[in-house]
Amino acid sequence: MTAKIKLNAASGGGSFSLQAPSSSANNRVFTIPDVADGTIITTATSGTILQVKSVTKSDTFSYAGQTAFVDVTGLSVAITPASTSNKILVLYDLSWSTPDGHVSCRIMRDSTAIKIGDAAGSNRPRVTGQMHYTSGDQYDMVQVAGTFLDSPSSTSSVTYKWQVGTPYSAAYDIEINKQGLEENGDQGYNGRTASSITVMEVAG
């Protein structure tokens, strides 16, 4: 039995081959849909989703006593693009709170902040999200969520992650997946949430 069927291009120069599995134990059936003419989508077809990676953080994280941005532990995901022309669609959400100040967050690709605003002055932080505490907010949890189509231009592993910081004052605190202030411990109003990052490689 023929293991390969080869079709030469009508205009010459190129060819297409349909090859059977390498092992006789691997029987495969390729069915062409009985519909109007169309094109078979491959991993080289622009817009094709090639792989999906995701991470969800359901435990808590606390930040205090500094102004620098820091990684949120357990909230990062790595992906290795197959081509430098491919893009990464990032879907993100962060559930956070503060008991006392101005707090910021940003989504990162390795050490580069993405989905951030333009520079404006020397003091305004370029961030993905920001929150300002007012009286009573310590009992609220706010979600920053969105999407971003990133162009890493890489075939090496890239890591997407959340960072939080208080660039205005080291006196402020941040809580992830919990209220900014839990006065009475294990109560029905002291909820727990989850945060996540999902990345999809899109063929360029």
C-alpha atoms as a PDB file:
ATOM      1  CA  MET A   1       0.000   0.000   0.000  1.00  0.00           C
ATOM      2  CA  THR A   2       1.253   3.480  -0.846  1.00  0.00           C
ATOM      3  CA  ALA A   3       2.380   5.347   2.285  1.00  0.00           C
ATOM      4  CA  LYS A   4       2.332   8.787   0.663  1.00  0.00           C
ATOM      5  CA  ILE A   5       0.265  10.573  -1.951  1.00  0.00           C
ATOM      6  CA  LYS A   6       2.028  13.478  -3.639  1.00  0.00           C
ATOM      7  CA  LEU A   7       0.296  16.147  -5.684  1.00  0.00           C
ATOM      8  CA  ASN A   8       2.361  18.496  -7.806  1.00  0.00           C
ATOM      9  CA  ALA A   9       1.327  22.130  -8.101  1.00  0.00           C
ATOM     10  CA  ALA A  10      -0.620  22.922 -11.284  1.00  0.00           C
ATOM     11  CA  SER A  11       1.838  25.669 -12.206  1.00  0.00           C
ATOM     12  CA  GLY A  12       4.888  23.599 -11.240  1.00  0.00           C
ATOM     13  CA  GLY A  13       7.524  24.182  -8.596  1.00  0.00           C
ATOM     14  CA  GLY A  14       5.647  23.068  -5.481  1.00  0.00           C
ATOM     15  CA  SER A  15       3.878  19.964  -4.225  1.00  0.00           C
ATOM     16  CA  PHE A  16       1.547  18.697  -1.490  1.00  0.00           C
ATOM     17  CA  SER A  17       1.966  15.311   0.199  1.00  0.00           C
ATOM     18  CA  LEU A  18      -0.533  13.310   2.224  1.00  0.00           C
ATOM     19  CA  GLN A  19       1.392  10.788   4.293  1.00  0.00           C
ATOM     20  CA  ALA A  20       0.150   7.872   6.406  1.00  0.00           C
ATOM     21  CA  PRO A  21       1.149   7.474  10.095  1.00  0.00           C
ATOM     22  CA  SER A  22       4.605   6.034  10.719  1.00  0.00           C
ATOM     23  CA  SER A  23       3.219   2.985  12.549  1.00  0.00           C
ATOM     24  CA  SER A  24       0.671   0.502  11.238  1.00  0.00           C
ATOM     25  CA  ALA A  25      -0.939   0.560  14.678  1.00  0.00           C
ATOM     26  CA  ASN A  26      -1.832   4.248  14.298  1.00  0.00           C
ATOM     27  CA  ASN A  27      -4.942   4.269  12.128  1.00  0.00           C
ATOM     28  CA  ARG A  28      -6.209   7.761  11.325  1.00  0.00           C
ATOM     29  CA  VAL A  29      -9.177   9.080   9.372  1.00  0.00           C
ATOM     30  CA  PHE A  30      -9.153  12.526   7.755  1.00  0.00           C
ATOM     31  CA  THR A  31     -12.678  13.598   6.800  1.00  0.00           C
ATOM     32  CA  ILE A  32     -13.269  16.600   4.561  1.00  0.00           C
ATOM     33  CA  PRO A  33     -16.563  18.364   5.438  1.00  0.00           C
ATOM     34  CA  ASP A  34     -19.282  18.141   2.778  1.00  0.00           C
ATOM     35  CA  VAL A  35     -19.671  21.908   2.490  1.00  0.00           C
ATOM     36  CA  ALA A  36     -18.780  24.682   0.053  1.00  0.00           C
ATOM     37  CA  ASP A  37     -15.214  25.217  -1.059  1.00  0.00           C
ATOM     38  CA  GLY A  38     -12.840  26.355   1.702  1.00  0.00           C
ATOM     39  CA  THR A  39      -9.297  26.417   2.987  1.00  0.00           C
ATOM     40  CA  ILE A  40      -7.855  24.051   5.580  1.00  0.00           C
ATOM     41  CA  ILE A  41      -6.559  25.981   8.604  1.00  0.00           C
ATOM     42  CA  THR A  42      -3.030  25.053   9.681  1.00  0.00           C
ATOM     43  CA  THR A  43      -0.632  26.232  12.369  1.00  0.00           C
ATOM     44  CA  ALA A  44       0.689  28.756   9.839  1.00  0.00           C
ATOM     45  CA  THR A  45      -2.750  30.320   9.225  1.00  0.00           C
ATOM     46  CA  SER A  46      -2.887  33.842  10.630  1.00  0.00           C
ATOM     47  CA  GLY A  47      -5.208  34.090  13.630  1.00  0.00           C
ATOM     48  CA  THR A  48      -5.036  30.390  14.559  1.00  0.00           C
ATOM     49  CA  ILE A  49      -4.788  29.694  18.297  1.00  0.00           C
ATOM     50  CA  LEU A  50      -1.727  27.468  18.676  1.00  0.00           C
ATOM     51  CA  GLN A  51      -1.559  26.922  22.443  1.00  0.00           C
ATOM     52  CA  VAL A  52      -3.154  28.086  25.675  1.00  0.00           C
ATOM     53  CA  LYS A  53      -1.568  28.421  29.121  1.00  0.00           C
ATOM     54  CA  SER A  54      -3.286  29.572  32.297  1.00  0.00           C
ATOM     55  CA  VAL A  55      -2.716  30.116  36.004  1.00  0.00           C
ATOM     56  CA  THR A  56      -5.212  30.823  38.787  1.00  0.00           C
ATOM     57  CA  LYS A  57      -4.256  32.021  42.253  1.00  0.00           C
ATOM     58  CA  SER A  58      -6.857  31.218  44.904  1.00  0.00           C
ATOM     59  CA  ASP A  59      -4.780  31.871  48.031  1.00  0.00           C
ATOM     60  CA  THR A  60      -3.927  35.331  49.383  1.00  0.00           C
ATOM     61  CA  PHE A  61      -0.950  37.661  49.026  1.00  0.00           C
ATOM     62  CA  SER A  62      -0.016  40.674  51.151  1.00  0.00           C
ATOM     63  CA  TYR A  63       2.190  43.643  50.309  1.00  0.00           C
ATOM     64  CA  ALA A  64       3.412  46.260  52.781  1.00  0.00           C
ATOM     65  CA  GLY A  65       6.260  48.573  53.711  1.00  0.00           C
ATOM     66  CA  GLN A  66       7.807  49.523  50.360  1.00  0.00           C
ATOM     67  CA  THR A  67       7.174  51.590  47.228  1.00  0.00           C
ATOM     68  CA  ALA A  68       8.704  49.284  44.603  1.00  0.00           C
ATOM     69  CA  PHE A  69       6.557  47.014  42.460  1.00  0.00           C
ATOM     70  CA  VAL A  70       6.796  43.340  43.406  1.00  0.00           C
ATOM     71  CA  ASP A  71       5.635  40.094  41.777  1.00  0.00           C
ATOM     72  CA  VAL A  72       2.432  38.574  43.123  1.00  0.00           C
ATOM     73  CA  THR A  73       3.567  35.122  44.245  1.00  0.00           C
ATOM     74  CA  GLY A  74       1.881  32.272  42.360  1.00  0.00           C
ATOM     75  CA  LEU A  75       0.388  34.511  39.676  1.00  0.00           C
ATOM     76  CA  SER A  76       2.645  34.037  36.634  1.00  0.00           C
ATOM     77  CA  VAL A  77       2.470  31.840  33.541  1.00  0.00           C
ATOM     78  CA  ALA A  78       5.148  31.012  30.935  1.00  0.00           C
ATOM     79  CA  ILE A  79       4.659  30.346  27.224  1.00  0.00           C
ATOM     80  CA  THR A  80       7.123  29.686  24.387  1.00  0.00           C
ATOM     81  CA  PRO A  81       6.028  31.132  21.025  1.00  0.00           C
ATOM     82  CA  ALA A  82       6.687  29.017  17.936  1.00  0.00           C
ATOM     83  CA  SER A  83       7.557  32.031  15.777  1.00  0.00           C
ATOM     84  CA  THR A  84       8.735  35.600  16.279  1.00  0.00           C
ATOM     85  CA  SER A  85       5.793  36.784  14.159  1.00  0.00           C
ATOM     86  CA  ASN A  86       3.218  35.206  16.481  1.00  0.00           C
ATOM     87  CA  LYS A  87       1.374  37.242  19.086  1.00  0.00           C
ATOM     88  CA  ILE A  88       0.220  36.423  22.606  1.00  0.00           C
ATOM     89  CA  LEU A  89      -3.344  37.245  23.633  1.00  0.00           C
ATOM     90  CA  VAL A  90      -3.298  37.945  27.371  1.00  0.00           C
ATOM     91  CA  LEU A  91      -6.507  37.678  29.407  1.00  0.00           C
ATOM     92  CA  TYR A  92      -6.086  38.860  32.981  1.00  0.00           C
ATOM     93  CA  ASP A  93      -7.935  39.621  36.185  1.00  0.00           C
ATOM     94  CA  LEU A  94      -6.719  40.675  39.623  1.00  0.00           C
ATOM     95  CA  SER A  95      -8.876  40.805  42.755  1.00  0.00           C
ATOM     96  CA  TRP A  96      -7.317  43.239  45.220  1.00  0.00           C
ATOM     97  CA  SER A  97      -7.993  45.698  48.028  1.00  0.00           C
ATOM     98  CA  THR A  98      -6.319  48.220  50.309  1.00  0.00           C
ATOM     99  CA  PRO A  99      -7.069  49.410  53.851  1.00  0.00           C
ATOM    100  CA  ASP A 100      -5.232  52.707  53.636  1.00  0.00           C
ATOM    101  CA  GLY A 101      -3.915  54.352  50.472  1.00  0.00           C
ATOM    102  CA  HIS A 102      -3.096  54.769  46.777  1.00  0.00           C
ATOM    103  CA  VAL A 103      -2.165  51.427  45.224  1.00  0.00           C
ATOM    104  CA  SER A 104      -1.135  50.344  41.725  1.00  0.00           C
ATOM    105  CA  CYS A 105      -0.876  47.157  39.679  1.00  0.00           C
ATOM    106  CA  ARG A 106       0.536  46.237  36.295  1.00  0.00           C
ATOM    107  CA  ILE A 107       0.638  43.226  34.014  1.00  0.00           C
ATOM    108  CA  MET A 108       4.147  42.219  32.951  1.00  0.00           C
ATOM    109  CA  ARG A 109       5.945  40.318  30.212  1.00  0.00           C
ATOM    110  CA  ASP A 110       9.166  39.268  31.965  1.00  0.00           C
ATOM    111  CA  SER A 111      10.572  42.617  33.155  1.00  0.00           C
ATOM    112  CA  THR A 112       8.515  44.764  30.759  1.00  0.00           C
ATOM    113  CA  ALA A 113       5.202  46.301  31.832  1.00  0.00           C
ATOM    114  CA  ILE A 114       2.458  45.935  29.193  1.00  0.00           C
ATOM    115  CA  LYS A 115      -1.082  47.348  28.915  1.00  0.00           C
ATOM    116  CA  ILE A 116       0.022  50.570  30.613  1.00  0.00           C
ATOM    117  CA  GLY A 117      -0.582  54.257  29.913  1.00  0.00           C
ATOM    118  CA  ASP A 118       1.766  56.721  28.242  1.00  0.00           C
ATOM    119  CA  ALA A 119       4.351  58.616  30.237  1.00  0.00           C
ATOM    120  CA  ALA A 120       3.018  61.919  31.640  1.00  0.00           C
ATOM    121  CA  GLY A 121       5.374  63.873  33.867  1.00  0.00           C
ATOM    122  CA  SER A 122       8.053  62.464  36.146  1.00  0.00           C
ATOM    123  CA  ASN A 123       5.901  61.139  39.006  1.00  0.00           C
ATOM    124  CA  ARG A 124       2.803  59.538  37.488  1.00  0.00           C
ATOM    125  CA  PRO A 125       3.179  55.736  37.505  1.00  0.00           C
ATOM    126  CA  ARG A 126       2.471  53.881  34.259  1.00  0.00           C
ATOM    127  CA  VAL A 127       0.142  51.107  35.353  1.00  0.00           C
ATOM    128  CA  THR A 128      -2.586  48.682  34.297  1.00  0.00           C
ATOM    129  CA  GLY A 129      -4.804  49.560  37.241  1.00  0.00           C
ATOM    130  CA  GLN A 130      -4.920  51.881  40.228  1.00  0.00           C
ATOM    131  CA  MET A 131      -7.107  52.274  43.310  1.00  0.00           C
ATOM    132  CA  HIS A 132      -7.506  54.995  45.913  1.00  0.00           C
ATOM    133  CA  TYR A 133      -8.743  54.286  49.421  1.00  0.00           C
ATOM    134  CA  THR A 134     -11.587  56.275  50.936  1.00  0.00           C
ATOM    135  CA  SER A 135     -13.472  55.618  54.154  1.00  0.00           C
ATOM    136  CA  GLY A 136     -15.145  52.205  54.065  1.00  0.00           C
ATOM    137  CA  ASP A 137     -13.139  50.869  51.121  1.00  0.00           C
ATOM    138  CA  GLN A 138     -11.134  48.565  53.380  1.00  0.00           C
ATOM    139  CA  TYR A 139     -14.062  46.119  53.233  1.00  0.00           C
ATOM    140  CA  ASP A 140     -14.259  46.070  49.419  1.00  0.00           C
ATOM    141  CA  MET A 141     -12.463  43.939  46.859  1.00  0.00           C
ATOM    142  CA  VAL A 142     -12.007  45.420  43.380  1.00  0.00           C
ATOM    143  CA  GLN A 143     -11.273  43.499  40.187  1.00  0.00           C
ATOM    144  CA  VAL A 144      -8.960  44.768  37.459  1.00  0.00           C
ATOM    145  CA  ALA A 145      -9.678  42.726  34.325  1.00  0.00           C
ATOM    146  CA  GLY A 146      -9.046  43.012  30.594  1.00  0.00           C
ATOM    147  CA  THR A 147      -7.200  41.745  27.531  1.00  0.00           C
ATOM    148  CA  PHE A 148      -4.052  42.713  25.674  1.00  0.00           C
ATOM    149  CA  LEU A 149      -2.592  41.463  22.383  1.00  0.00           C
ATOM    150  CA  ASP A 150       1.156  41.370  22.972  1.00  0.00           C
ATOM    151  CA  SER A 151       3.978  41.046  20.439  1.00  0.00           C
ATOM    152  CA  PRO A 152       6.958  39.471  22.241  1.00  0.00           C
ATOM    153  CA  SER A 153       8.879  38.851  18.962  1.00  0.00           C
ATOM    154  CA  SER A 154      10.518  35.827  20.552  1.00  0.00           C
ATOM    155  CA  THR A 155      10.821  32.059  20.281  1.00  0.00           C
ATOM    156  CA  SER A 156      12.157  31.798  23.831  1.00  0.00           C
ATOM    157  CA  SER A 157      10.006  31.284  26.903  1.00  0.00           C
ATOM    158  CA  VAL A 158       8.266  34.472  28.085  1.00  0.00           C
ATOM    159  CA  THR A 159       6.537  34.882  31.433  1.00  0.00           C
ATOM    160  CA  TYR A 160       3.409  36.938  32.053  1.00  0.00           C
ATOM    161  CA  LYS A 161       2.727  37.982  35.627  1.00  0.00           C
ATOM    162  CA  TRP A 162       1.044  40.478  37.941  1.00  0.00           C
ATOM    163  CA  GLN A 163       2.925  43.077  39.956  1.00  0.00           C
ATOM    164  CA  VAL A 164       1.590  45.379  42.653  1.00  0.00           C
ATOM    165  CA  GLY A 165       3.131  48.452  44.263  1.00  0.00           C
ATOM    166  CA  THR A 166       2.524  51.654  46.201  1.00  0.00           C
ATOM    167  CA  PRO A 167       4.766  54.169  44.388  1.00  0.00           C
ATOM    168  CA  TYR A 168       3.225  57.103  46.284  1.00  0.00           C
ATOM    169  CA  SER A 169       4.067  55.960  49.819  1.00  0.00           C
ATOM    170  CA  ALA A 170       5.624  52.957  51.555  1.00  0.00           C
ATOM    171  CA  ALA A 171       3.038  53.368  54.310  1.00  0.00           C
ATOM    172  CA  TYR A 172       0.287  51.799  52.187  1.00  0.00           C
ATOM    173  CA  ASP A 173      -0.719  48.131  52.009  1.00  0.00           C
ATOM    174  CA  ILE A 174      -2.211  45.834  49.385  1.00  0.00           C
ATOM    175  CA  GLU A 175      -4.129  42.584  49.795  1.00  0.00           C
ATOM    176  CA  ILE A 176      -4.746  40.095  46.981  1.00  0.00           C
ATOM    177  CA  ASN A 177      -7.868  37.868  47.003  1.00  0.00           C
ATOM    178  CA  LYS A 178      -9.061  39.218  50.349  1.00  0.00           C
ATOM    179  CA  GLN A 179     -10.389  42.340  52.021  1.00  0.00           C
ATOM    180  CA  GLY A 180      -7.959  45.072  52.946  1.00  0.00           C
ATOM    181  CA  LEU A 181      -9.007  44.860  56.558  1.00  0.00           C
ATOM    182  CA  GLU A 182     -10.387  41.808  58.355  1.00  0.00           C
ATOM    183  CA  GLU A 183     -11.354  43.044  61.780  1.00  0.00           C
ATOM    184  CA  ASN A 184     -13.258  40.051  63.052  1.00  0.00           C
ATOM    185  CA  GLY A 185     -11.592  37.051  61.431  1.00  0.00           C
ATOM    186  CA  ASP A 186     -13.715  34.161  60.164  1.00  0.00           C
ATOM    187  CA  GLN A 187     -16.979  35.927  59.355  1.00  0.00           C
ATOM    188  CA  GLY A 188     -19.508  35.646  56.531  1.00  0.00           C
ATOM    189  CA  TYR A 189     -18.539  39.062  55.161  1.00  0.00           C
ATOM    190  CA  ASN A 190     -14.789  38.264  54.958  1.00  0.00           C
ATOM    191  CA  GLY A 191     -14.820  36.678  51.501  1.00  0.00           C
ATOM    192  CA  ARG A 192     -12.047  35.077  49.486  1.00  0.00           C
ATOM    193  CA  THR A 193     -11.636  35.487  45.711  1.00  0.00           C
ATOM    194  CA  ALA A 194      -9.309  34.274  42.953  1.00  0.00           C
ATOM    195  CA  SER A 195      -7.155  35.972  40.301  1.00  0.00           C
ATOM    196  CA  SER A 196      -5.806  34.627  37.020  1.00  0.00           C
ATOM    197  CA  ILE A 197      -3.800  35.064  33.838  1.00  0.00           C
ATOM    198  CA  THR A 198      -4.506  33.161  30.606  1.00  0.00           C
ATOM    199  CA  VAL A 199      -2.241  33.455  27.557  1.00  0.00           C
ATOM    200  CA  MET A 200      -2.950  32.235  24.017  1.00  0.00           C
ATOM    201  CA  GLU A 201      -0.428  32.056  21.192  1.00  0.00           C
ATOM    202  CA  VAL A 202      -1.944  33.450  17.986  1.00  0.00           C
ATOM    203  CA  ALA A 203      -0.343  32.675  14.637  1.00  0.00           C
ATOM    204  CA  GLY A 204       0.906  35.850  12.928  1.00  0.00           C
END
